[in-house]
Amino acid sequence: MEDPLTAFLYAFATLFIILHPLLVIPAFLGLTRGYTSEEKRRQASIATAVAGGLMITFLILGLPIFNLLGITLPSFEVAGGLLLFIIGMQQALGIEYSPDAAGHQKNIGVIIGTPLICGPGAITTVILLSTKCGILVTLPALLITLAFTWFTLRYAGTIQRMLGETVSGVLTNVFGMVLAALAITLIAEGIEGLV
């Protein structure tokens, strides 16, 4: 993208949709049930740090690793687009993913950080954004999105009460449809690059 502001807004919107902090609230509250407010704050910080560390690593090193493995960008766009489409449809249809957290009570922040916040879709997204928008544009968008994610987790209980289940569900469905539409664009660009 030529215009840095447009690229930044595109990167921010894409990252916000794929990370969708509001979607993580129910899982966060469920996994931290019985925790004190301070423990919940700590787990929110751990989750955000884990997700951020992984995403920044893949933002910077993702393409060099792919080059080493011989994976082309168009093939990754198609594969990543398919994955993002599935995630988007799951969100739009209200299908939730909940990892088995038994025995991991000490590592709840890690479980929330990955795979709930930073899963395959988020990793795919930062790698694709690094090529489409550039690392220097994507990094600030990622940091702002992660700050919003931390804030959302930090105040998850309050946000859940304010929005209610109906509004949260509607937002999840809409974000899912937008993500699926972005995924179709990635698939089309990837196919065009392969042909």
N, C-alpha and C. Protein backbone atom coordinates (compact mmCIF):
# COMPACT_ATOMS: atom_id res chain seq x y z
N MET A 1 0.85 -1.17 0.00
CA MET A 1 0.00 0.00 0.00
C MET A 1 0.89 1.24 0.00
N GLU A 2 0.51 2.21 -0.80
CA GLU A 2 1.35 3.39 -0.95
C GLU A 2 1.17 4.39 0.19
N ASP A 3 -0.07 4.67 0.57
CA ASP A 3 -0.35 5.66 1.60
C ASP A 3 -0.16 5.05 2.98
N PRO A 4 0.78 5.58 3.80
CA PRO A 4 1.03 5.00 5.12
C PRO A 4 -0.20 5.02 6.04
N LEU A 5 -1.00 6.08 5.98
CA LEU A 5 -2.18 6.15 6.83
C LEU A 5 -3.20 5.08 6.45
N THR A 6 -3.42 4.91 5.16
CA THR A 6 -4.34 3.86 4.70
C THR A 6 -3.82 2.49 5.10
N ALA A 7 -2.51 2.27 4.94
CA ALA A 7 -1.91 0.99 5.32
C ALA A 7 -2.06 0.75 6.82
N PHE A 8 -1.82 1.79 7.62
CA PHE A 8 -1.97 1.66 9.07
C PHE A 8 -3.40 1.31 9.45
N LEU A 9 -4.36 2.03 8.88
CA LEU A 9 -5.77 1.78 9.20
C LEU A 9 -6.18 0.37 8.76
N TYR A 10 -5.68 -0.07 7.60
CA TYR A 10 -5.97 -1.42 7.14
C TYR A 10 -5.38 -2.45 8.10
N ALA A 11 -4.12 -2.24 8.50
CA ALA A 11 -3.47 -3.18 9.43
C ALA A 11 -4.19 -3.20 10.77
N PHE A 12 -4.52 -2.03 11.29
CA PHE A 12 -5.21 -1.95 12.58
C PHE A 12 -6.56 -2.65 12.53
N ALA A 13 -7.35 -2.35 11.50
CA ALA A 13 -8.68 -2.96 11.38
C ALA A 13 -8.57 -4.47 11.26
N THR A 14 -7.63 -4.94 10.45
CA THR A 14 -7.46 -6.38 10.26
C THR A 14 -7.03 -7.05 11.56
N LEU A 15 -6.07 -6.46 12.26
CA LEU A 15 -5.61 -7.03 13.53
C LEU A 15 -6.71 -7.01 14.59
N PHE A 16 -7.46 -5.92 14.64
CA PHE A 16 -8.54 -5.83 15.63
C PHE A 16 -9.58 -6.90 15.37
N ILE A 17 -9.89 -7.13 14.09
CA ILE A 17 -10.89 -8.14 13.75
C ILE A 17 -10.38 -9.54 14.08
N ILE A 18 -9.13 -9.84 13.75
CA ILE A 18 -8.62 -11.20 14.00
C ILE A 18 -8.39 -11.44 15.49
N LEU A 19 -7.92 -10.43 16.23
CA LEU A 19 -7.71 -10.62 17.67
C LEU A 19 -9.03 -10.53 18.42
N HIS A 20 -9.95 -9.73 17.94
CA HIS A 20 -11.29 -9.53 18.49
C HIS A 20 -11.31 -9.71 20.01
N PRO A 21 -10.77 -8.73 20.73
CA PRO A 21 -10.66 -8.85 22.18
C PRO A 21 -11.97 -9.17 22.90
N LEU A 22 -13.09 -8.68 22.36
CA LEU A 22 -14.37 -8.93 23.02
C LEU A 22 -14.72 -10.42 23.01
N LEU A 23 -14.25 -11.14 21.99
CA LEU A 23 -14.53 -12.57 21.89
C LEU A 23 -13.82 -13.36 22.98
N VAL A 24 -12.71 -12.83 23.48
CA VAL A 24 -11.92 -13.54 24.49
C VAL A 24 -12.49 -13.36 25.90
N ILE A 25 -13.34 -12.35 26.09
CA ILE A 25 -13.86 -12.04 27.43
C ILE A 25 -14.50 -13.25 28.11
N PRO A 26 -15.45 -13.96 27.46
CA PRO A 26 -16.07 -15.09 28.16
C PRO A 26 -15.07 -16.17 28.58
N ALA A 27 -14.12 -16.48 27.70
CA ALA A 27 -13.11 -17.49 28.04
C ALA A 27 -12.23 -17.00 29.18
N PHE A 28 -11.83 -15.73 29.13
CA PHE A 28 -10.99 -15.17 30.18
C PHE A 28 -11.70 -15.22 31.53
N LEU A 29 -12.96 -14.80 31.55
CA LEU A 29 -13.71 -14.81 32.81
C LEU A 29 -13.93 -16.23 33.32
N GLY A 30 -14.18 -17.16 32.40
CA GLY A 30 -14.37 -18.55 32.80
C GLY A 30 -13.11 -19.18 33.35
N LEU A 31 -11.98 -18.92 32.70
CA LEU A 31 -10.72 -19.52 33.12
C LEU A 31 -10.14 -18.88 34.38
N THR A 32 -10.55 -17.65 34.66
CA THR A 32 -10.03 -16.97 35.86
C THR A 32 -11.09 -16.89 36.97
N ARG A 33 -12.14 -17.68 36.83
CA ARG A 33 -13.18 -17.69 37.87
C ARG A 33 -12.54 -18.06 39.21
N GLY A 34 -12.85 -17.31 40.24
CA GLY A 34 -12.30 -17.57 41.56
C GLY A 34 -10.99 -16.85 41.82
N TYR A 35 -10.43 -16.20 40.82
CA TYR A 35 -9.19 -15.44 41.00
C TYR A 35 -9.51 -14.10 41.64
N THR A 36 -8.57 -13.56 42.38
CA THR A 36 -8.73 -12.21 42.92
C THR A 36 -8.56 -11.21 41.78
N SER A 37 -8.93 -9.97 42.03
CA SER A 37 -8.78 -8.92 41.01
C SER A 37 -7.32 -8.77 40.59
N GLU A 38 -6.42 -8.84 41.57
CA GLU A 38 -5.00 -8.71 41.25
C GLU A 38 -4.51 -9.89 40.40
N GLU A 39 -4.96 -11.11 40.72
CA GLU A 39 -4.57 -12.28 39.93
C GLU A 39 -5.11 -12.16 38.50
N LYS A 40 -6.33 -11.65 38.35
CA LYS A 40 -6.89 -11.47 37.01
C LYS A 40 -6.09 -10.44 36.22
N ARG A 41 -5.69 -9.35 36.87
CA ARG A 41 -4.86 -8.34 36.20
C ARG A 41 -3.54 -8.95 35.74
N ARG A 42 -2.95 -9.76 36.61
CA ARG A 42 -1.68 -10.42 36.27
C ARG A 42 -1.85 -11.35 35.07
N GLN A 43 -2.93 -12.14 35.08
CA GLN A 43 -3.17 -13.06 33.97
C GLN A 43 -3.45 -12.30 32.67
N ALA A 44 -4.13 -11.15 32.76
CA ALA A 44 -4.37 -10.32 31.57
C ALA A 44 -3.04 -9.84 31.00
N SER A 45 -2.12 -9.44 31.87
CA SER A 45 -0.80 -8.97 31.43
C SER A 45 0.00 -10.11 30.81
N ILE A 46 -0.03 -11.28 31.44
CA ILE A 46 0.70 -12.44 30.90
C ILE A 46 0.15 -12.81 29.53
N ALA A 47 -1.17 -12.89 29.42
CA ALA A 47 -1.81 -13.27 28.15
C ALA A 47 -1.43 -12.31 27.04
N THR A 48 -1.47 -11.03 27.33
CA THR A 48 -1.15 -10.02 26.32
C THR A 48 0.33 -10.08 25.95
N ALA A 49 1.20 -10.29 26.93
CA ALA A 49 2.64 -10.38 26.65
C ALA A 49 2.97 -11.60 25.80
N VAL A 50 2.35 -12.74 26.12
CA VAL A 50 2.58 -13.96 25.34
C VAL A 50 2.13 -13.76 23.89
N ALA A 51 0.90 -13.26 23.73
CA ALA A 51 0.37 -13.03 22.38
C ALA A 51 1.23 -12.02 21.63
N GLY A 52 1.58 -10.93 22.30
CA GLY A 52 2.39 -9.90 21.66
C GLY A 52 3.76 -10.39 21.27
N GLY A 53 4.40 -11.14 22.15
CA GLY A 53 5.72 -11.68 21.84
C GLY A 53 5.71 -12.59 20.62
N LEU A 54 4.72 -13.47 20.56
CA LEU A 54 4.61 -14.37 19.41
C LEU A 54 4.34 -13.60 18.12
N MET A 55 3.40 -12.66 18.20
CA MET A 55 3.03 -11.93 16.99
C MET A 55 4.16 -11.04 16.49
N ILE A 56 4.89 -10.40 17.38
CA ILE A 56 6.01 -9.56 16.96
C ILE A 56 7.12 -10.43 16.36
N THR A 57 7.35 -11.60 16.95
CA THR A 57 8.35 -12.52 16.40
C THR A 57 7.99 -12.92 14.98
N PHE A 58 6.72 -13.30 14.76
CA PHE A 58 6.32 -13.71 13.41
C PHE A 58 6.22 -12.53 12.46
N LEU A 59 5.93 -11.35 12.96
CA LEU A 59 5.91 -10.16 12.11
C LEU A 59 7.30 -9.91 11.53
N ILE A 60 8.32 -10.06 12.36
CA ILE A 60 9.69 -9.76 11.94
C ILE A 60 10.36 -10.95 11.24
N LEU A 61 10.16 -12.16 11.77
CA LEU A 61 10.89 -13.33 11.26
C LEU A 61 10.06 -14.27 10.40
N GLY A 62 8.77 -14.01 10.26
CA GLY A 62 7.90 -14.93 9.53
C GLY A 62 8.33 -15.15 8.09
N LEU A 63 8.54 -14.08 7.34
CA LEU A 63 8.93 -14.23 5.94
C LEU A 63 10.31 -14.86 5.77
N PRO A 64 11.32 -14.46 6.55
CA PRO A 64 12.61 -15.15 6.41
C PRO A 64 12.51 -16.66 6.67
N ILE A 65 11.69 -17.04 7.64
CA ILE A 65 11.50 -18.47 7.91
C ILE A 65 10.84 -19.14 6.71
N PHE A 66 9.83 -18.49 6.13
CA PHE A 66 9.16 -19.05 4.96
C PHE A 66 10.11 -19.17 3.78
N ASN A 67 10.95 -18.16 3.59
CA ASN A 67 11.93 -18.22 2.51
C ASN A 67 12.88 -19.40 2.72
N LEU A 68 13.29 -19.61 3.95
CA LEU A 68 14.17 -20.73 4.27
C LEU A 68 13.49 -22.07 3.96
N LEU A 69 12.18 -22.14 4.22
CA LEU A 69 11.43 -23.38 3.99
C LEU A 69 10.92 -23.50 2.55
N GLY A 70 11.10 -22.46 1.74
CA GLY A 70 10.66 -22.50 0.36
C GLY A 70 9.16 -22.27 0.17
N ILE A 71 8.53 -21.63 1.13
CA ILE A 71 7.10 -21.34 1.04
C ILE A 71 6.94 -19.99 0.36
N THR A 72 6.15 -19.94 -0.72
CA THR A 72 5.95 -18.68 -1.43
C THR A 72 4.82 -17.88 -0.79
N LEU A 73 4.87 -16.57 -0.98
CA LEU A 73 3.83 -15.70 -0.42
C LEU A 73 2.45 -16.00 -1.01
N PRO A 74 2.31 -16.18 -2.34
CA PRO A 74 0.97 -16.49 -2.85
C PRO A 74 0.38 -17.78 -2.27
N SER A 75 1.21 -18.82 -2.11
CA SER A 75 0.68 -20.06 -1.53
C SER A 75 0.28 -19.84 -0.07
N PHE A 76 1.05 -19.02 0.64
CA PHE A 76 0.70 -18.72 2.04
C PHE A 76 -0.55 -17.86 2.11
N GLU A 77 -0.73 -16.95 1.14
CA GLU A 77 -1.95 -16.14 1.11
C GLU A 77 -3.18 -17.03 0.94
N VAL A 78 -3.08 -18.02 0.06
CA VAL A 78 -4.22 -18.92 -0.15
C VAL A 78 -4.47 -19.74 1.12
N ALA A 79 -3.41 -20.35 1.66
CA ALA A 79 -3.57 -21.17 2.87
C ALA A 79 -4.04 -20.32 4.05
N GLY A 80 -3.41 -19.16 4.23
CA GLY A 80 -3.81 -18.27 5.33
C GLY A 80 -5.21 -17.74 5.14
N GLY A 81 -5.57 -17.42 3.90
CA GLY A 81 -6.93 -16.96 3.62
C GLY A 81 -7.97 -18.01 3.94
N LEU A 82 -7.67 -19.26 3.60
CA LEU A 82 -8.60 -20.36 3.93
C LEU A 82 -8.76 -20.49 5.44
N LEU A 83 -7.65 -20.40 6.16
CA LEU A 83 -7.69 -20.50 7.62
C LEU A 83 -8.49 -19.34 8.22
N LEU A 84 -8.22 -18.12 7.75
CA LEU A 84 -8.95 -16.96 8.25
C LEU A 84 -10.44 -17.04 7.90
N PHE A 85 -10.75 -17.61 6.74
CA PHE A 85 -12.16 -17.77 6.36
C PHE A 85 -12.87 -18.71 7.34
N ILE A 86 -12.20 -19.80 7.69
CA ILE A 86 -12.79 -20.74 8.65
C ILE A 86 -13.00 -20.06 10.00
N ILE A 87 -12.00 -19.31 10.45
CA ILE A 87 -12.12 -18.61 11.74
C ILE A 87 -13.25 -17.59 11.67
N GLY A 88 -13.32 -16.85 10.57
CA GLY A 88 -14.38 -15.86 10.40
C GLY A 88 -15.76 -16.50 10.41
N MET A 89 -15.90 -17.63 9.74
CA MET A 89 -17.19 -18.32 9.72
C MET A 89 -17.54 -18.86 11.10
N GLN A 90 -16.54 -19.36 11.82
CA GLN A 90 -16.80 -19.83 13.19
C GLN A 90 -17.33 -18.68 14.04
N GLN A 91 -16.71 -17.50 13.91
CA GLN A 91 -17.17 -16.34 14.67
C GLN A 91 -18.58 -15.95 14.25
N ALA A 92 -18.81 -15.90 12.94
CA ALA A 92 -20.12 -15.48 12.43
C ALA A 92 -21.23 -16.44 12.85
N LEU A 93 -20.90 -17.72 12.92
CA LEU A 93 -21.90 -18.74 13.27
C LEU A 93 -21.96 -19.01 14.77
N GLY A 94 -21.07 -18.37 15.53
CA GLY A 94 -21.10 -18.53 16.99
C GLY A 94 -20.50 -19.83 17.48
N ILE A 95 -19.60 -20.42 16.70
CA ILE A 95 -18.92 -21.65 17.11
C ILE A 95 -17.70 -21.25 17.92
N GLU A 96 -17.64 -21.66 19.18
CA GLU A 96 -16.56 -21.24 20.07
C GLU A 96 -15.51 -22.33 20.19
N TYR A 97 -14.25 -21.89 20.31
CA TYR A 97 -13.14 -22.79 20.58
C TYR A 97 -12.72 -22.59 22.02
N SER A 98 -12.65 -23.68 22.76
CA SER A 98 -12.24 -23.58 24.16
C SER A 98 -11.24 -24.70 24.46
N PRO A 99 -9.97 -24.36 24.65
CA PRO A 99 -8.98 -25.40 24.91
C PRO A 99 -9.21 -26.06 26.26
N ASP A 100 -8.74 -27.28 26.37
CA ASP A 100 -8.85 -28.00 27.64
C ASP A 100 -7.83 -27.41 28.60
N ALA A 101 -8.34 -26.76 29.63
CA ALA A 101 -7.46 -26.06 30.57
C ALA A 101 -7.17 -26.88 31.82
N ALA A 102 -7.60 -28.11 31.87
CA ALA A 102 -7.39 -28.92 33.07
C ALA A 102 -5.90 -29.07 33.34
N GLY A 103 -5.51 -28.84 34.56
CA GLY A 103 -4.12 -29.01 34.94
C GLY A 103 -3.23 -27.83 34.57
N HIS A 104 -3.81 -26.79 34.02
CA HIS A 104 -3.00 -25.65 33.60
C HIS A 104 -3.37 -24.39 34.38
N GLN A 105 -3.86 -24.53 35.57
CA GLN A 105 -4.34 -23.37 36.32
C GLN A 105 -3.27 -22.31 36.54
N LYS A 106 -2.02 -22.71 36.66
CA LYS A 106 -0.96 -21.73 36.87
C LYS A 106 -0.63 -20.98 35.59
N ASN A 107 -0.96 -21.57 34.45
CA ASN A 107 -0.59 -21.01 33.16
C ASN A 107 -1.79 -20.47 32.38
N ILE A 108 -2.81 -20.01 33.08
CA ILE A 108 -4.00 -19.52 32.41
C ILE A 108 -3.66 -18.37 31.46
N GLY A 109 -2.77 -17.48 31.86
CA GLY A 109 -2.37 -16.37 31.00
C GLY A 109 -1.74 -16.85 29.71
N VAL A 110 -0.95 -17.92 29.79
CA VAL A 110 -0.32 -18.49 28.59
C VAL A 110 -1.38 -19.10 27.69
N ILE A 111 -2.33 -19.82 28.27
CA ILE A 111 -3.40 -20.45 27.48
C ILE A 111 -4.24 -19.39 26.79
N ILE A 112 -4.51 -18.31 27.48
CA ILE A 112 -5.29 -17.23 26.87
C ILE A 112 -4.46 -16.52 25.81
N GLY A 113 -3.17 -16.33 26.08
CA GLY A 113 -2.28 -15.67 25.12
C GLY A 113 -2.16 -16.44 23.82
N THR A 114 -2.03 -17.75 23.94
CA THR A 114 -2.02 -18.63 22.78
C THR A 114 -2.62 -19.96 23.18
N PRO A 115 -3.63 -20.42 22.55
CA PRO A 115 -4.10 -20.07 21.21
C PRO A 115 -5.29 -19.10 21.16
N LEU A 116 -5.81 -18.65 22.31
CA LEU A 116 -7.03 -17.83 22.24
C LEU A 116 -6.82 -16.46 21.61
N ILE A 117 -5.76 -15.74 21.99
CA ILE A 117 -5.52 -14.43 21.38
C ILE A 117 -4.67 -14.60 20.13
N CYS A 118 -3.54 -15.25 20.27
CA CYS A 118 -2.61 -15.42 19.15
C CYS A 118 -2.62 -16.87 18.70
N GLY A 119 -3.53 -17.18 17.82
CA GLY A 119 -3.60 -18.52 17.24
C GLY A 119 -3.05 -18.49 15.83
N PRO A 120 -3.29 -19.55 15.08
CA PRO A 120 -2.80 -19.61 13.70
C PRO A 120 -3.29 -18.45 12.83
N GLY A 121 -4.53 -18.03 13.05
CA GLY A 121 -5.07 -16.92 12.26
C GLY A 121 -4.33 -15.62 12.50
N ALA A 122 -3.99 -15.34 13.75
CA ALA A 122 -3.26 -14.11 14.08
C ALA A 122 -1.84 -14.16 13.52
N ILE A 123 -1.21 -15.32 13.60
CA ILE A 123 0.14 -15.48 13.05
C ILE A 123 0.11 -15.28 11.53
N THR A 124 -0.86 -15.90 10.88
CA THR A 124 -1.03 -15.73 9.44
C THR A 124 -1.22 -14.25 9.09
N THR A 125 -2.05 -13.59 9.86
CA THR A 125 -2.36 -12.19 9.60
C THR A 125 -1.14 -11.30 9.69
N VAL A 126 -0.32 -11.45 10.75
CA VAL A 126 0.84 -10.55 10.89
C VAL A 126 1.87 -10.80 9.79
N ILE A 127 2.01 -12.04 9.37
CA ILE A 127 2.96 -12.32 8.29
C ILE A 127 2.48 -11.68 6.99
N LEU A 128 1.20 -11.82 6.70
CA LEU A 128 0.66 -11.23 5.48
C LEU A 128 0.69 -9.70 5.54
N LEU A 129 0.40 -9.14 6.71
CA LEU A 129 0.45 -7.68 6.84
C LEU A 129 1.88 -7.15 6.71
N SER A 130 2.87 -7.95 7.12
CA SER A 130 4.26 -7.50 7.00
C SER A 130 4.63 -7.29 5.54
N THR A 131 4.03 -8.07 4.64
CA THR A 131 4.32 -7.90 3.22
C THR A 131 3.41 -6.86 2.57
N LYS A 132 2.17 -6.82 2.98
CA LYS A 132 1.21 -5.90 2.35
C LYS A 132 1.38 -4.46 2.83
N CYS A 133 1.61 -4.27 4.12
CA CYS A 133 1.68 -2.92 4.71
C CYS A 133 3.08 -2.55 5.17
N GLY A 134 3.93 -3.53 5.38
CA GLY A 134 5.28 -3.29 5.88
C GLY A 134 5.35 -3.43 7.39
N ILE A 135 6.50 -3.82 7.88
CA ILE A 135 6.70 -4.04 9.31
C ILE A 135 6.55 -2.74 10.09
N LEU A 136 7.11 -1.64 9.56
CA LEU A 136 7.09 -0.37 10.29
C LEU A 136 5.68 0.21 10.43
N VAL A 137 4.78 -0.17 9.55
CA VAL A 137 3.38 0.27 9.65
C VAL A 137 2.59 -0.71 10.51
N THR A 138 2.86 -1.99 10.34
CA THR A 138 2.09 -3.02 11.05
C THR A 138 2.41 -3.04 12.54
N LEU A 139 3.67 -2.82 12.91
CA LEU A 139 4.07 -2.90 14.31
C LEU A 139 3.29 -1.92 15.21
N PRO A 140 3.18 -0.63 14.86
CA PRO A 140 2.38 0.25 15.73
C PRO A 140 0.91 -0.16 15.78
N ALA A 141 0.36 -0.62 14.66
CA ALA A 141 -1.03 -1.09 14.65
C ALA A 141 -1.19 -2.28 15.58
N LEU A 142 -0.21 -3.18 15.56
CA LEU A 142 -0.24 -4.35 16.43
C LEU A 142 -0.14 -3.94 17.90
N LEU A 143 0.76 -3.02 18.21
CA LEU A 143 0.93 -2.58 19.61
C LEU A 143 -0.33 -1.91 20.14
N ILE A 144 -0.99 -1.11 19.32
CA ILE A 144 -2.24 -0.46 19.74
C ILE A 144 -3.33 -1.51 19.95
N THR A 145 -3.40 -2.48 19.06
CA THR A 145 -4.40 -3.54 19.20
C THR A 145 -4.14 -4.37 20.45
N LEU A 146 -2.87 -4.66 20.73
CA LEU A 146 -2.54 -5.41 21.94
C LEU A 146 -2.86 -4.61 23.20
N ALA A 147 -2.63 -3.29 23.15
CA ALA A 147 -2.99 -2.45 24.31
C ALA A 147 -4.50 -2.49 24.54
N PHE A 148 -5.25 -2.43 23.46
CA PHE A 148 -6.71 -2.52 23.58
C PHE A 148 -7.11 -3.90 24.12
N THR A 149 -6.42 -4.94 23.67
CA THR A 149 -6.70 -6.29 24.15
C THR A 149 -6.43 -6.39 25.65
N TRP A 150 -5.30 -5.85 26.10
CA TRP A 150 -4.99 -5.87 27.53
C TRP A 150 -6.08 -5.13 28.32
N PHE A 151 -6.46 -3.96 27.84
CA PHE A 151 -7.50 -3.17 28.51
C PHE A 151 -8.81 -3.97 28.58
N THR A 152 -9.14 -4.64 27.49
CA THR A 152 -10.37 -5.44 27.45
C THR A 152 -10.32 -6.57 28.47
N LEU A 153 -9.19 -7.26 28.55
CA LEU A 153 -9.06 -8.34 29.52
C LEU A 153 -9.04 -7.80 30.94
N ARG A 154 -8.35 -6.69 31.12
CA ARG A 154 -8.25 -6.08 32.45
C ARG A 154 -9.63 -5.72 33.00
N TYR A 155 -10.50 -5.24 32.15
CA TYR A 155 -11.85 -4.83 32.56
C TYR A 155 -12.93 -5.74 31.97
N ALA A 156 -12.60 -7.02 31.81
CA ALA A 156 -13.50 -7.97 31.16
C ALA A 156 -14.86 -8.06 31.85
N GLY A 157 -14.86 -8.15 33.16
CA GLY A 157 -16.12 -8.27 33.90
C GLY A 157 -17.02 -7.06 33.69
N THR A 158 -16.45 -5.89 33.77
CA THR A 158 -17.22 -4.65 33.59
C THR A 158 -17.75 -4.55 32.16
N ILE A 159 -16.91 -4.86 31.18
CA ILE A 159 -17.32 -4.79 29.77
C ILE A 159 -18.44 -5.78 29.50
N GLN A 160 -18.32 -6.99 30.03
CA GLN A 160 -19.35 -8.02 29.83
C GLN A 160 -20.69 -7.54 30.38
N ARG A 161 -20.66 -6.95 31.56
CA ARG A 161 -21.91 -6.44 32.16
C ARG A 161 -22.50 -5.30 31.34
N MET A 162 -21.63 -4.40 30.84
CA MET A 162 -22.10 -3.24 30.08
C MET A 162 -22.71 -3.65 28.73
N LEU A 163 -22.05 -4.53 28.02
CA LEU A 163 -22.52 -4.91 26.69
C LEU A 163 -23.69 -5.88 26.73
N GLY A 164 -23.64 -6.79 27.67
CA GLY A 164 -24.65 -7.83 27.70
C GLY A 164 -24.34 -8.89 26.66
N GLU A 165 -24.98 -10.03 26.80
CA GLU A 165 -24.69 -11.15 25.90
C GLU A 165 -25.17 -10.90 24.48
N THR A 166 -26.29 -10.21 24.32
CA THR A 166 -26.84 -9.99 22.98
C THR A 166 -25.91 -9.12 22.14
N VAL A 167 -25.47 -8.01 22.67
CA VAL A 167 -24.58 -7.11 21.92
C VAL A 167 -23.25 -7.80 21.65
N SER A 168 -22.71 -8.51 22.63
CA SER A 168 -21.46 -9.25 22.42
C SER A 168 -21.61 -10.25 21.29
N GLY A 169 -22.73 -10.95 21.27
CA GLY A 169 -22.98 -11.94 20.21
C GLY A 169 -23.08 -11.30 18.84
N VAL A 170 -23.77 -10.17 18.75
CA VAL A 170 -23.91 -9.47 17.47
C VAL A 170 -22.55 -9.00 16.98
N LEU A 171 -21.74 -8.41 17.86
CA LEU A 171 -20.41 -7.95 17.47
C LEU A 171 -19.55 -9.10 16.98
N THR A 172 -19.62 -10.23 17.65
CA THR A 172 -18.86 -11.40 17.24
C THR A 172 -19.27 -11.85 15.85
N ASN A 173 -20.57 -11.90 15.58
CA ASN A 173 -21.05 -12.32 14.27
C ASN A 173 -20.61 -11.36 13.17
N VAL A 174 -20.73 -10.06 13.43
CA VAL A 174 -20.35 -9.06 12.42
C VAL A 174 -18.85 -9.13 12.15
N PHE A 175 -18.02 -9.18 13.21
CA PHE A 175 -16.58 -9.29 13.02
C PHE A 175 -16.23 -10.56 12.26
N GLY A 176 -16.94 -11.64 12.51
CA GLY A 176 -16.71 -12.88 11.80
C GLY A 176 -16.96 -12.75 10.31
N MET A 177 -18.05 -12.08 9.95
CA MET A 177 -18.36 -11.89 8.53
C MET A 177 -17.33 -10.99 7.84
N VAL A 178 -16.89 -9.95 8.53
CA VAL A 178 -15.86 -9.06 7.96
C VAL A 178 -14.56 -9.83 7.78
N LEU A 179 -14.19 -10.65 8.75
CA LEU A 179 -12.98 -11.46 8.64
C LEU A 179 -13.07 -12.43 7.48
N ALA A 180 -14.23 -13.06 7.30
CA ALA A 180 -14.42 -13.98 6.17
C ALA A 180 -14.27 -13.24 4.85
N ALA A 181 -14.79 -12.02 4.76
CA ALA A 181 -14.66 -11.23 3.53
C ALA A 181 -13.20 -10.86 3.27
N LEU A 182 -12.46 -10.47 4.32
CA LEU A 182 -11.03 -10.19 4.16
C LEU A 182 -10.29 -11.45 3.70
N ALA A 183 -10.69 -12.59 4.22
CA ALA A 183 -10.05 -13.86 3.86
C ALA A 183 -10.25 -14.16 2.38
N ILE A 184 -11.44 -13.91 1.87
CA ILE A 184 -11.70 -14.16 0.45
C ILE A 184 -10.82 -13.27 -0.42
N THR A 185 -10.60 -12.04 0.01
CA THR A 185 -9.70 -11.14 -0.72
C THR A 185 -8.28 -11.70 -0.73
N LEU A 186 -7.81 -12.21 0.41
CA LEU A 186 -6.47 -12.81 0.47
C LEU A 186 -6.36 -14.03 -0.45
N ILE A 187 -7.39 -14.87 -0.44
CA ILE A 187 -7.38 -16.06 -1.29
C ILE A 187 -7.31 -15.65 -2.76
N ALA A 188 -8.11 -14.66 -3.15
CA ALA A 188 -8.11 -14.19 -4.54
C ALA A 188 -6.74 -13.64 -4.93
N GLU A 189 -6.13 -12.85 -4.05
CA GLU A 189 -4.79 -12.30 -4.33
C GLU A 189 -3.76 -13.41 -4.44
N GLY A 190 -3.88 -14.42 -3.57
CA GLY A 190 -2.94 -15.54 -3.62
C GLY A 190 -3.07 -16.34 -4.90
N ILE A 191 -4.31 -16.60 -5.31
CA ILE A 191 -4.54 -17.36 -6.55
C ILE A 191 -4.01 -16.57 -7.74
N GLU A 192 -4.25 -15.26 -7.73
CA GLU A 192 -3.74 -14.41 -8.81
C GLU A 192 -2.21 -14.46 -8.86
N GLY A 193 -1.56 -14.50 -7.69
CA GLY A 193 -0.10 -14.57 -7.64
C GLY A 193 0.44 -15.92 -8.09
N LEU A 194 -0.35 -16.98 -7.91
CA LEU A 194 0.09 -18.32 -8.31
C LEU A 194 -0.07 -18.55 -9.81
N VAL A 195 -1.03 -17.85 -10.41
CA VAL A 195 -1.34 -18.09 -11.83
C VAL A 195 -0.41 -17.35 -12.74
